Amino acid sequence: MKYQFTLAFFDANGNRLSSGYIGNTWNGNPTAQGWTYK
């Protein structure tokens, strides 16, 4: 499993711009984990 937090920009119609986003991606963990900062 992967999770991603994305910061994205959108045009006037609310469509996400293909050149205007970046994500922070990390893997899931089978063992419960505490709060982490992304």
Full PDB file with SEQRES, HELIX, SHEET, SSBOND, CRYST1, ORIGX, SCALE, CONECT and MASTER records, all heavy atoms in Angstrom:
SEQRES   1 A   38  MET LYS TYR GLN PHE THR LEU ALA PHE PHE ASP ALA ASN          
SEQRES   2 A   38  GLY ASN ARG LEU SER SER GLY TYR ILE GLY ASN THR TRP          
SEQRES   3 A   38  ASN GLY ASN PRO THR ALA GLN GLY TRP THR TYR LYS              
SHEET    1 AA1 2 LYS A   2  PHE A  10  0                                        
SHEET    2 AA1 2 ARG A  16  ASN A  27 -1                                        
CRYST1    1.000    1.000    1.000  90.00  90.00  90.00 P 1           1          
ORIGX1      1.000000  0.000000  0.000000        0.00000                         
ORIGX2      0.000000  1.000000  0.000000        0.00000                         
ORIGX3      0.000000  0.000000  1.000000        0.00000                         
SCALE1      1.000000  0.000000  0.000000        0.00000                         
SCALE2      0.000000  1.000000  0.000000        0.00000                         
SCALE3      0.000000  0.000000  1.000000        0.00000                         
ATOM      1  N   MET A   1       0.839  -1.204   0.000  1.00  0.00           N  
ATOM      2  CA  MET A   1       0.000   0.000   0.000  1.00  0.00           C  
ATOM      3  C   MET A   1       0.866   1.243   0.000  1.00  0.00           C  
ATOM      4  O   MET A   1       1.913   1.297   0.639  1.00  0.00           O  
ATOM      5  CB  MET A   1      -0.872  -0.018   1.259  1.00  0.00           C  
ATOM      6  CG  MET A   1      -1.839   1.092   1.372  1.00  0.00           C  
ATOM      7  SD  MET A   1      -3.189   0.783   0.256  1.00  0.00           S  
ATOM      8  CE  MET A   1      -4.321   2.012   0.797  1.00  0.00           C  
ATOM      9  N   LYS A   2       0.444   2.254  -0.733  1.00  0.00           N  
ATOM     10  CA  LYS A   2       1.116   3.552  -0.720  1.00  0.00           C  
ATOM     11  C   LYS A   2       0.080   4.616  -0.375  1.00  0.00           C  
ATOM     12  O   LYS A   2      -1.068   4.541  -0.790  1.00  0.00           O  
ATOM     13  CB  LYS A   2       1.744   3.861  -2.072  1.00  0.00           C  
ATOM     14  CG  LYS A   2       2.908   2.951  -2.425  1.00  0.00           C  
ATOM     15  CD  LYS A   2       3.648   3.468  -3.630  1.00  0.00           C  
ATOM     16  CE  LYS A   2       4.764   2.549  -4.040  1.00  0.00           C  
ATOM     17  NZ  LYS A   2       5.788   2.353  -3.047  1.00  0.00           N  
ATOM     18  N   TYR A   3       0.525   5.619   0.382  1.00  0.00           N  
ATOM     19  CA  TYR A   3      -0.297   6.789   0.684  1.00  0.00           C  
ATOM     20  C   TYR A   3       0.418   7.995   0.098  1.00  0.00           C  
ATOM     21  O   TYR A   3       1.648   8.029   0.014  1.00  0.00           O  
ATOM     22  CB  TYR A   3      -0.470   6.963   2.186  1.00  0.00           C  
ATOM     23  CG  TYR A   3      -1.283   5.861   2.808  1.00  0.00           C  
ATOM     24  CD1 TYR A   3      -0.670   4.806   3.478  1.00  0.00           C  
ATOM     25  CD2 TYR A   3      -2.669   5.867   2.704  1.00  0.00           C  
ATOM     26  CE1 TYR A   3      -1.414   3.793   4.043  1.00  0.00           C  
ATOM     27  CE2 TYR A   3      -3.425   4.851   3.266  1.00  0.00           C  
ATOM     28  CZ  TYR A   3      -2.793   3.814   3.933  1.00  0.00           C  
ATOM     29  OH  TYR A   3      -3.537   2.815   4.477  1.00  0.00           O  
ATOM     30  N   GLN A   4      -0.375   9.004  -0.275  1.00  0.00           N  
ATOM     31  CA  GLN A   4       0.218  10.219  -0.821  1.00  0.00           C  
ATOM     32  C   GLN A   4      -0.563  11.439  -0.355  1.00  0.00           C  
ATOM     33  O   GLN A   4      -1.789  11.457  -0.367  1.00  0.00           O  
ATOM     34  CB  GLN A   4       0.231  10.191  -2.349  1.00  0.00           C  
ATOM     35  CG  GLN A   4       0.960  11.400  -2.951  1.00  0.00           C  
ATOM     36  CD  GLN A   4       1.003  11.341  -4.465  1.00  0.00           C  
ATOM     37  OE1 GLN A   4       0.091  11.824  -5.111  1.00  0.00           O  
ATOM     38  NE2 GLN A   4       2.048  10.734  -4.996  1.00  0.00           N  
ATOM     39  N   PHE A   5       0.181  12.446   0.050  1.00  0.00           N  
ATOM     40  CA  PHE A   5      -0.335  13.774   0.384  1.00  0.00           C  
ATOM     41  C   PHE A   5       0.109  14.682  -0.752  1.00  0.00           C  
ATOM     42  O   PHE A   5       1.295  14.766  -1.055  1.00  0.00           O  
ATOM     43  CB  PHE A   5       0.270  14.211   1.724  1.00  0.00           C  
ATOM     44  CG  PHE A   5      -0.090  15.593   2.166  1.00  0.00           C  
ATOM     45  CD1 PHE A   5      -1.412  15.991   2.282  1.00  0.00           C  
ATOM     46  CD2 PHE A   5       0.901  16.500   2.509  1.00  0.00           C  
ATOM     47  CE1 PHE A   5      -1.732  17.270   2.713  1.00  0.00           C  
ATOM     48  CE2 PHE A   5       0.595  17.767   2.945  1.00  0.00           C  
ATOM     49  CZ  PHE A   5      -0.727  18.153   3.055  1.00  0.00           C  
ATOM     50  N   THR A   6      -0.844  15.320  -1.435  1.00  0.00           N  
ATOM     51  CA  THR A   6      -0.551  16.081  -2.648  1.00  0.00           C  
ATOM     52  C   THR A   6      -0.962  17.541  -2.491  1.00  0.00           C  
ATOM     53  O   THR A   6      -2.038  17.837  -1.983  1.00  0.00           O  
ATOM     54  CB  THR A   6      -1.299  15.475  -3.857  1.00  0.00           C  
ATOM     55  OG1 THR A   6      -0.921  14.113  -3.985  1.00  0.00           O  
ATOM     56  CG2 THR A   6      -0.984  16.204  -5.139  1.00  0.00           C  
ATOM     57  N   LEU A   7      -0.100  18.432  -2.957  1.00  0.00           N  
ATOM     58  CA  LEU A   7      -0.404  19.858  -3.080  1.00  0.00           C  
ATOM     59  C   LEU A   7      -0.586  20.110  -4.571  1.00  0.00           C  
ATOM     60  O   LEU A   7       0.323  19.835  -5.353  1.00  0.00           O  
ATOM     61  CB  LEU A   7       0.742  20.685  -2.510  1.00  0.00           C  
ATOM     62  CG  LEU A   7       0.684  22.202  -2.656  1.00  0.00           C  
ATOM     63  CD1 LEU A   7      -0.601  22.775  -2.087  1.00  0.00           C  
ATOM     64  CD2 LEU A   7       1.885  22.834  -1.986  1.00  0.00           C  
ATOM     65  N   ALA A   8      -1.772  20.583  -4.958  1.00  0.00           N  
ATOM     66  CA  ALA A   8      -2.081  20.685  -6.388  1.00  0.00           C  
ATOM     67  C   ALA A   8      -2.714  22.034  -6.723  1.00  0.00           C  
ATOM     68  O   ALA A   8      -3.368  22.669  -5.894  1.00  0.00           O  
ATOM     69  CB  ALA A   8      -3.041  19.566  -6.786  1.00  0.00           C  
ATOM     70  N   PHE A   9      -2.514  22.431  -7.986  1.00  0.00           N  
ATOM     71  CA  PHE A   9      -3.105  23.660  -8.513  1.00  0.00           C  
ATOM     72  C   PHE A   9      -4.129  23.299  -9.582  1.00  0.00           C  
ATOM     73  O   PHE A   9      -3.998  22.284 -10.278  1.00  0.00           O  
ATOM     74  CB  PHE A   9      -2.016  24.575  -9.082  1.00  0.00           C  
ATOM     75  CG  PHE A   9      -1.071  25.051  -8.023  1.00  0.00           C  
ATOM     76  CD1 PHE A   9       0.121  24.388  -7.792  1.00  0.00           C  
ATOM     77  CD2 PHE A   9      -1.393  26.143  -7.231  1.00  0.00           C  
ATOM     78  CE1 PHE A   9       0.989  24.810  -6.799  1.00  0.00           C  
ATOM     79  CE2 PHE A   9      -0.534  26.573  -6.238  1.00  0.00           C  
ATOM     80  CZ  PHE A   9       0.654  25.901  -6.025  1.00  0.00           C  
ATOM     81  N   PHE A  10      -5.148  24.155  -9.724  1.00  0.00           N  
ATOM     82  CA  PHE A  10      -6.290  23.868 -10.583  1.00  0.00           C  
ATOM     83  C   PHE A  10      -6.584  25.059 -11.485  1.00  0.00           C  
ATOM     84  O   PHE A  10      -6.308  26.200 -11.122  1.00  0.00           O  
ATOM     85  CB  PHE A  10      -7.516  23.551  -9.722  1.00  0.00           C  
ATOM     86  CG  PHE A  10      -7.329  22.337  -8.846  1.00  0.00           C  
ATOM     87  CD1 PHE A  10      -6.620  22.419  -7.658  1.00  0.00           C  
ATOM     88  CD2 PHE A  10      -7.853  21.117  -9.221  1.00  0.00           C  
ATOM     89  CE1 PHE A  10      -6.429  21.308  -6.854  1.00  0.00           C  
ATOM     90  CE2 PHE A  10      -7.672  19.992  -8.429  1.00  0.00           C  
ATOM     91  CZ  PHE A  10      -6.967  20.090  -7.252  1.00  0.00           C  
ATOM     92  N   ASP A  11      -7.197  24.778 -12.637  1.00  0.00           N  
ATOM     93  CA  ASP A  11      -7.580  25.848 -13.561  1.00  0.00           C  
ATOM     94  C   ASP A  11      -8.931  26.433 -13.155  1.00  0.00           C  
ATOM     95  O   ASP A  11      -9.525  26.038 -12.142  1.00  0.00           O  
ATOM     96  CB  ASP A  11      -7.575  25.351 -15.016  1.00  0.00           C  
ATOM     97  CG  ASP A  11      -8.624  24.290 -15.301  1.00  0.00           C  
ATOM     98  OD1 ASP A  11      -9.595  24.117 -14.509  1.00  0.00           O  
ATOM     99  OD2 ASP A  11      -8.490  23.617 -16.339  1.00  0.00           O  
ATOM    100  N   ALA A  12      -9.447  27.358 -13.948  1.00  0.00           N  
ATOM    101  CA  ALA A  12     -10.699  28.061 -13.640  1.00  0.00           C  
ATOM    102  C   ALA A  12     -11.899  27.122 -13.588  1.00  0.00           C  
ATOM    103  O   ALA A  12     -12.900  27.426 -12.946  1.00  0.00           O  
ATOM    104  CB  ALA A  12     -10.944  29.165 -14.667  1.00  0.00           C  
ATOM    105  N   ASN A  13     -11.808  25.959 -14.264  1.00  0.00           N  
ATOM    106  CA  ASN A  13     -12.903  24.985 -14.259  1.00  0.00           C  
ATOM    107  C   ASN A  13     -12.771  23.955 -13.149  1.00  0.00           C  
ATOM    108  O   ASN A  13     -13.570  23.031 -13.058  1.00  0.00           O  
ATOM    109  CB  ASN A  13     -12.966  24.259 -15.612  1.00  0.00           C  
ATOM    110  CG  ASN A  13     -13.288  25.218 -16.731  1.00  0.00           C  
ATOM    111  OD1 ASN A  13     -14.145  26.083 -16.594  1.00  0.00           O  
ATOM    112  ND2 ASN A  13     -12.571  25.089 -17.839  1.00  0.00           N  
ATOM    113  N   GLY A  14     -11.741  24.084 -12.304  1.00  0.00           N  
ATOM    114  CA  GLY A  14     -11.546  23.138 -11.210  1.00  0.00           C  
ATOM    115  C   GLY A  14     -10.813  21.873 -11.618  1.00  0.00           C  
ATOM    116  O   GLY A  14     -10.810  20.896 -10.877  1.00  0.00           O  
ATOM    117  N   ASN A  15     -10.178  21.876 -12.793  1.00  0.00           N  
ATOM    118  CA  ASN A  15      -9.403  20.724 -13.247  1.00  0.00           C  
ATOM    119  C   ASN A  15      -7.965  20.842 -12.758  1.00  0.00           C  
ATOM    120  O   ASN A  15      -7.353  21.906 -12.883  1.00  0.00           O  
ATOM    121  CB  ASN A  15      -9.404  20.630 -14.778  1.00  0.00           C  
ATOM    122  CG  ASN A  15     -10.807  20.490 -15.317  1.00  0.00           C  
ATOM    123  OD1 ASN A  15     -11.586  19.672 -14.853  1.00  0.00           O  
ATOM    124  ND2 ASN A  15     -11.142  21.310 -16.305  1.00  0.00           N  
ATOM    125  N   ARG A  16      -7.437  19.743 -12.229  1.00  0.00           N  
ATOM    126  CA  ARG A  16      -6.063  19.751 -11.746  1.00  0.00           C  
ATOM    127  C   ARG A  16      -5.103  19.919 -12.916  1.00  0.00           C  
ATOM    128  O   ARG A  16      -5.226  19.248 -13.936  1.00  0.00           O  
ATOM    129  CB  ARG A  16      -5.747  18.460 -10.992  1.00  0.00           C  
ATOM    130  CG  ARG A  16      -4.411  18.518 -10.276  1.00  0.00           C  
ATOM    131  CD  ARG A  16      -4.217  17.362  -9.357  1.00  0.00           C  
ATOM    132  NE  ARG A  16      -3.592  16.266 -10.074  1.00  0.00           N  
ATOM    133  CZ  ARG A  16      -3.063  15.200  -9.498  1.00  0.00           C  
ATOM    134  NH1 ARG A  16      -3.112  15.067  -8.197  1.00  0.00           N  
ATOM    135  NH2 ARG A  16      -2.523  14.253 -10.219  1.00  0.00           N  
ATOM    136  N   LEU A  17      -4.152  20.844 -12.774  1.00  0.00           N  
ATOM    137  CA  LEU A  17      -3.174  21.102 -13.824  1.00  0.00           C  
ATOM    138  C   LEU A  17      -2.126  19.985 -13.838  1.00  0.00           C  
ATOM    139  O   LEU A  17      -1.577  19.630 -12.793  1.00  0.00           O  
ATOM    140  CB  LEU A  17      -2.490  22.448 -13.607  1.00  0.00           C  
ATOM    141  CG  LEU A  17      -3.414  23.668 -13.647  1.00  0.00           C  
ATOM    142  CD1 LEU A  17      -2.649  24.927 -13.260  1.00  0.00           C  
ATOM    143  CD2 LEU A  17      -4.026  23.823 -15.021  1.00  0.00           C  
ATOM    144  N   SER A  18      -1.838  19.454 -15.011  1.00  0.00           N  
ATOM    145  CA  SER A  18      -0.903  18.335 -15.115  1.00  0.00           C  
ATOM    146  C   SER A  18       0.514  18.735 -14.714  1.00  0.00           C  
ATOM    147  O   SER A  18       1.297  17.899 -14.281  1.00  0.00           O  
ATOM    148  CB  SER A  18      -0.909  17.762 -16.528  1.00  0.00           C  
ATOM    149  OG  SER A  18      -0.515  18.757 -17.457  1.00  0.00           O  
ATOM    150  N   SER A  19       0.857  20.005 -14.833  1.00  0.00           N  
ATOM    151  CA  SER A  19       2.195  20.461 -14.446  1.00  0.00           C  
ATOM    152  C   SER A  19       2.196  21.146 -13.089  1.00  0.00           C  
ATOM    153  O   SER A  19       3.220  21.668 -12.674  1.00  0.00           O  
ATOM    154  CB  SER A  19       2.731  21.434 -15.490  1.00  0.00           C  
ATOM    155  OG  SER A  19       1.904  22.594 -15.516  1.00  0.00           O  
ATOM    156  N   GLY A  20       1.067  21.139 -12.409  1.00  0.00           N  
ATOM    157  CA  GLY A  20       0.953  21.918 -11.181  1.00  0.00           C  
ATOM    158  C   GLY A  20       0.618  21.105  -9.953  1.00  0.00           C  
ATOM    159  O   GLY A  20      -0.339  21.417  -9.249  1.00  0.00           O  
ATOM    160  N   TYR A  21       1.388  20.065  -9.673  1.00  0.00           N  
ATOM    161  CA  TYR A  21       1.177  19.337  -8.426  1.00  0.00           C  
ATOM    162  C   TYR A  21       2.451  18.589  -8.043  1.00  0.00           C  
ATOM    163  O   TYR A  21       3.309  18.318  -8.874  1.00  0.00           O  
ATOM    164  CB  TYR A  21      -0.002  18.371  -8.515  1.00  0.00           C  
ATOM    165  CG  TYR A  21       0.229  17.181  -9.431  1.00  0.00           C  
ATOM    166  CD1 TYR A  21       0.748  15.992  -8.932  1.00  0.00           C  
ATOM    167  CD2 TYR A  21      -0.081  17.241 -10.780  1.00  0.00           C  
ATOM    168  CE1 TYR A  21       0.963  14.908  -9.765  1.00  0.00           C  
ATOM    169  CE2 TYR A  21       0.122  16.163 -11.617  1.00  0.00           C  
ATOM    170  CZ  TYR A  21       0.649  14.994 -11.094  1.00  0.00           C  
ATOM    171  OH  TYR A  21       0.864  13.926 -11.922  1.00  0.00           O  
ATOM    172  N   ILE A  22       2.546  18.297  -6.768  1.00  0.00           N  
ATOM    173  CA  ILE A  22       3.638  17.470  -6.265  1.00  0.00           C  
ATOM    174  C   ILE A  22       3.093  16.690  -5.074  1.00  0.00           C  
ATOM    175  O   ILE A  22       2.252  17.188  -4.326  1.00  0.00           O  
ATOM    176  CB  ILE A  22       4.875  18.307  -5.874  1.00  0.00           C  
ATOM    177  CG1 ILE A  22       6.073  17.401  -5.609  1.00  0.00           C  
ATOM    178  CG2 ILE A  22       4.587  19.203  -4.706  1.00  0.00           C  
ATOM    179  CD1 ILE A  22       7.397  18.132  -5.546  1.00  0.00           C  
ATOM    180  N   GLY A  23       3.547  15.457  -4.929  1.00  0.00           N  
ATOM    181  CA  GLY A  23       3.068  14.618  -3.843  1.00  0.00           C  
ATOM    182  C   GLY A  23       4.203  14.075  -3.003  1.00  0.00           C  
ATOM    183  O   GLY A  23       5.320  13.895  -3.479  1.00  0.00           O  
ATOM    184  N   ASN A  24       3.907  13.830  -1.751  1.00  0.00           N  
ATOM    185  CA  ASN A  24       4.806  13.143  -0.837  1.00  0.00           C  
ATOM    186  C   ASN A  24       4.220  11.748  -0.660  1.00  0.00           C  
ATOM    187  O   ASN A  24       3.110  11.600  -0.157  1.00  0.00           O  
ATOM    188  CB  ASN A  24       4.876  13.897   0.488  1.00  0.00           C  
ATOM    189  CG  ASN A  24       5.828  13.271   1.481  1.00  0.00           C  
ATOM    190  OD1 ASN A  24       6.178  12.098   1.380  1.00  0.00           O  
ATOM    191  ND2 ASN A  24       6.231  14.045   2.473  1.00  0.00           N  
ATOM    192  N   THR A  25       4.948  10.708  -1.090  1.00  0.00           N  
ATOM    193  CA  THR A  25       4.432   9.334  -1.101  1.00  0.00           C  
ATOM    194  C   THR A  25       5.252   8.452  -0.165  1.00  0.00           C  
ATOM    195  O   THR A  25       6.481   8.569  -0.117  1.00  0.00           O  
ATOM    196  CB  THR A  25       4.511   8.758  -2.537  1.00  0.00           C  
ATOM    197  OG1 THR A  25       3.846   9.648  -3.426  1.00  0.00           O  
ATOM    198  CG2 THR A  25       3.858   7.395  -2.618  1.00  0.00           C  
ATOM    199  N   TRP A  26       4.581   7.539   0.559  1.00  0.00           N  
ATOM    200  CA  TRP A  26       5.259   6.605   1.448  1.00  0.00           C  
ATOM    201  C   TRP A  26       4.475   5.304   1.492  1.00  0.00           C  
ATOM    202  O   TRP A  26       3.300   5.259   1.110  1.00  0.00           O  
ATOM    203  CB  TRP A  26       5.433   7.192   2.848  1.00  0.00           C  
ATOM    204  CG  TRP A  26       4.145   7.554   3.520  1.00  0.00           C  
ATOM    205  CD1 TRP A  26       3.425   6.781   4.383  1.00  0.00           C  
ATOM    206  CD2 TRP A  26       3.404   8.773   3.374  1.00  0.00           C  
ATOM    207  NE1 TRP A  26       2.286   7.442   4.784  1.00  0.00           N  
ATOM    208  CE2 TRP A  26       2.259   8.666   4.170  1.00  0.00           C  
ATOM    209  CE3 TRP A  26       3.607   9.939   2.642  1.00  0.00           C  
ATOM    210  CZ2 TRP A  26       1.302   9.684   4.262  1.00  0.00           C  
ATOM    211  CZ3 TRP A  26       2.656  10.947   2.725  1.00  0.00           C  
ATOM    212  CH2 TRP A  26       1.517  10.809   3.535  1.00  0.00           C  
ATOM    213  N   ASN A  27       5.104   4.234   1.951  1.00  0.00           N  
ATOM    214  CA  ASN A  27       4.487   2.912   2.017  1.00  0.00           C  
ATOM    215  C   ASN A  27       3.687   2.735   3.292  1.00  0.00           C  
ATOM    216  O   ASN A  27       4.029   3.299   4.339  1.00  0.00           O  
ATOM    217  CB  ASN A  27       5.541   1.812   1.962  1.00  0.00           C  
ATOM    218  CG  ASN A  27       6.180   1.703   0.594  1.00  0.00           C  
ATOM    219  OD1 ASN A  27       5.653   2.215  -0.394  1.00  0.00           O  
ATOM    220  ND2 ASN A  27       7.317   1.049   0.529  1.00  0.00           N  
ATOM    221  N   GLY A  28       2.656   1.894   3.185  1.00  0.00           N  
ATOM    222  CA  GLY A  28       1.904   1.486   4.356  1.00  0.00           C  
ATOM    223  C   GLY A  28       2.741   0.552   5.215  1.00  0.00           C  
ATOM    224  O   GLY A  28       3.788   0.065   4.778  1.00  0.00           O  
ATOM    225  N   ASN A  29       2.293   0.300   6.422  1.00  0.00           N  
ATOM    226  CA  ASN A  29       3.029  -0.559   7.333  1.00  0.00           C  
ATOM    227  C   ASN A  29       2.056  -1.558   7.973  1.00  0.00           C  
ATOM    228  O   ASN A  29       1.049  -1.141   8.539  1.00  0.00           O  
ATOM    229  CB  ASN A  29       3.711   0.284   8.404  1.00  0.00           C  
ATOM    230  CG  ASN A  29       4.778  -0.468   9.136  1.00  0.00           C  
ATOM    231  OD1 ASN A  29       4.594  -1.611   9.536  1.00  0.00           O  
ATOM    232  ND2 ASN A  29       5.919   0.176   9.323  1.00  0.00           N  
ATOM    233  N   PRO A  30       2.348  -2.870   7.883  1.00  0.00           N  
ATOM    234  CA  PRO A  30       1.449  -3.865   8.478  1.00  0.00           C  
ATOM    235  C   PRO A  30       1.309  -3.728   9.992  1.00  0.00           C  
ATOM    236  O   PRO A  30       0.305  -4.148  10.563  1.00  0.00           O  
ATOM    237  CB  PRO A  30       2.110  -5.205   8.117  1.00  0.00           C  
ATOM    238  CG  PRO A  30       2.956  -4.903   6.924  1.00  0.00           C  
ATOM    239  CD  PRO A  30       3.431  -3.496   7.117  1.00  0.00           C  
ATOM    240  N   THR A  31       2.289  -3.115  10.645  1.00  0.00           N  
ATOM    241  CA  THR A  31       2.234  -2.893  12.091  1.00  0.00           C  
ATOM    242  C   THR A  31       1.779  -1.463  12.342  1.00  0.00           C  
ATOM    243  O   THR A  31       2.264  -0.525  11.709  1.00  0.00           O  
ATOM    244  CB  THR A  31       3.639  -3.101  12.712  1.00  0.00           C  
ATOM    245  OG1 THR A  31       4.116  -4.392  12.354  1.00  0.00           O  
ATOM    246  CG2 THR A  31       3.589  -2.970  14.221  1.00  0.00           C  
ATOM    247  N   ALA A  32       0.863  -1.297  13.278  1.00  0.00           N  
ATOM    248  CA  ALA A  32       0.364   0.053  13.585  1.00  0.00           C  
ATOM    249  C   ALA A  32       1.513   0.986  13.939  1.00  0.00           C  
ATOM    250  O   ALA A  32       2.440   0.608  14.654  1.00  0.00           O  
ATOM    251  CB  ALA A  32      -0.640  -0.019  14.727  1.00  0.00           C  
ATOM    252  N   GLN A  33       1.455   2.195  13.429  1.00  0.00           N  
ATOM    253  CA  GLN A  33       2.480   3.220  13.647  1.00  0.00           C  
ATOM    254  C   GLN A  33       1.826   4.462  14.243  1.00  0.00           C  
ATOM    255  O   GLN A  33       0.686   4.774  13.921  1.00  0.00           O  
ATOM    256  CB  GLN A  33       3.142   3.598  12.323  1.00  0.00           C  
ATOM    257  CG  GLN A  33       3.767   2.433  11.581  1.00  0.00           C  
ATOM    258  CD  GLN A  33       4.963   1.860  12.304  1.00  0.00           C  
ATOM    259  OE1 GLN A  33       5.875   2.582  12.660  1.00  0.00           O  
ATOM    260  NE2 GLN A  33       4.951   0.566  12.550  1.00  0.00           N  
ATOM    261  N   GLY A  34       2.558   5.205  15.035  1.00  0.00           N  
ATOM    262  CA  GLY A  34       2.043   6.449  15.621  1.00  0.00           C  
ATOM    263  C   GLY A  34       2.046   7.587  14.605  1.00  0.00           C  
ATOM    264  O   GLY A  34       2.401   7.410  13.440  1.00  0.00           O  
ATOM    265  N   TRP A  35       1.662   8.764  15.070  1.00  0.00           N  
ATOM    266  CA  TRP A  35       1.602   9.947  14.217  1.00  0.00           C  
ATOM    267  C   TRP A  35       2.988  10.281  13.665  1.00  0.00           C  
ATOM    268  O   TRP A  35       3.968  10.323  14.410  1.00  0.00           O  
ATOM    269  CB  TRP A  35       1.073  11.149  14.991  1.00  0.00           C  
ATOM    270  CG  TRP A  35      -0.379  11.096  15.314  1.00  0.00           C  
ATOM    271  CD1 TRP A  35      -0.926  10.801  16.531  1.00  0.00           C  
ATOM    272  CD2 TRP A  35      -1.467  11.345  14.437  1.00  0.00           C  
ATOM    273  NE1 TRP A  35      -2.293  10.856  16.454  1.00  0.00           N  
ATOM    274  CE2 TRP A  35      -2.661  11.185  15.173  1.00  0.00           C  
ATOM    275  CE3 TRP A  35      -1.560  11.681  13.088  1.00  0.00           C  
ATOM    276  CZ2 TRP A  35      -3.919  11.356  14.619  1.00  0.00           C  
ATOM    277  CZ3 TRP A  35      -2.824  11.849  12.532  1.00  0.00           C  
ATOM    278  CH2 TRP A  35      -3.973  11.693  13.285  1.00  0.00           C  
ATOM    279  N   THR A  36       3.072  10.533  12.358  1.00  0.00           N  
ATOM    280  CA  THR A  36       4.296  10.991  11.711  1.00  0.00           C  
ATOM    281  C   THR A  36       3.981  12.239  10.897  1.00  0.00           C  
ATOM    282  O   THR A  36       2.853  12.418  10.420  1.00  0.00           O  
ATOM    283  CB  THR A  36       4.922   9.918  10.793  1.00  0.00           C  
ATOM    284  OG1 THR A  36       3.967   9.530   9.812  1.00  0.00           O  
ATOM    285  CG2 THR A  36       5.378   8.712  11.597  1.00  0.00           C  
ATOM    286  N   TYR A  37       4.976  13.079  10.736  1.00  0.00           N  
ATOM    287  CA  TYR A  37       4.813  14.374  10.066  1.00  0.00           C  
ATOM    288  C   TYR A  37       5.212  14.251   8.603  1.00  0.00           C  
ATOM    289  O   TYR A  37       6.288  13.733   8.289  1.00  0.00           O  
ATOM    290  CB  TYR A  37       5.702  15.393  10.785  1.00  0.00           C  
ATOM    291  CG  TYR A  37       5.610  16.801  10.287  1.00  0.00           C  
ATOM    292  CD1 TYR A  37       4.444  17.535  10.431  1.00  0.00           C  
ATOM    293  CD2 TYR A  37       6.708  17.423   9.696  1.00  0.00           C  
ATOM    294  CE1 TYR A  37       4.369  18.855  10.002  1.00  0.00           C  
ATOM    295  CE2 TYR A  37       6.650  18.735   9.265  1.00  0.00           C  
ATOM    296  CZ  TYR A  37       5.477  19.438   9.422  1.00  0.00           C  
ATOM    297  OH  TYR A  37       5.406  20.732   9.000  1.00  0.00           O  
ATOM    298  N   LYS A  38       4.353  14.717   7.703  1.00  0.00           N  
ATOM    299  CA  LYS A  38       4.617  14.692   6.265  1.00  0.00           C  
ATOM    300  C   LYS A  38       4.508  16.123   5.745  1.00  0.00           C  
ATOM    301  O   LYS A  38       3.635  16.877   6.169  1.00  0.00           O  
ATOM    302  CB  LYS A  38       3.616  13.803   5.529  1.00  0.00           C  
ATOM    303  CG  LYS A  38       3.483  12.398   6.097  1.00  0.00           C  
ATOM    304  CD  LYS A  38       4.751  11.598   5.936  1.00  0.00           C  
ATOM    305  CE  LYS A  38       4.600  10.188   6.485  1.00  0.00           C  
ATOM    306  NZ  LYS A  38       5.805   9.393   6.357  1.00  0.00           N  
TER     307      LYS A  38                                                      
MASTER        0    0    0    0    2    0    0    6  306    1    0    3          
END                                                                             
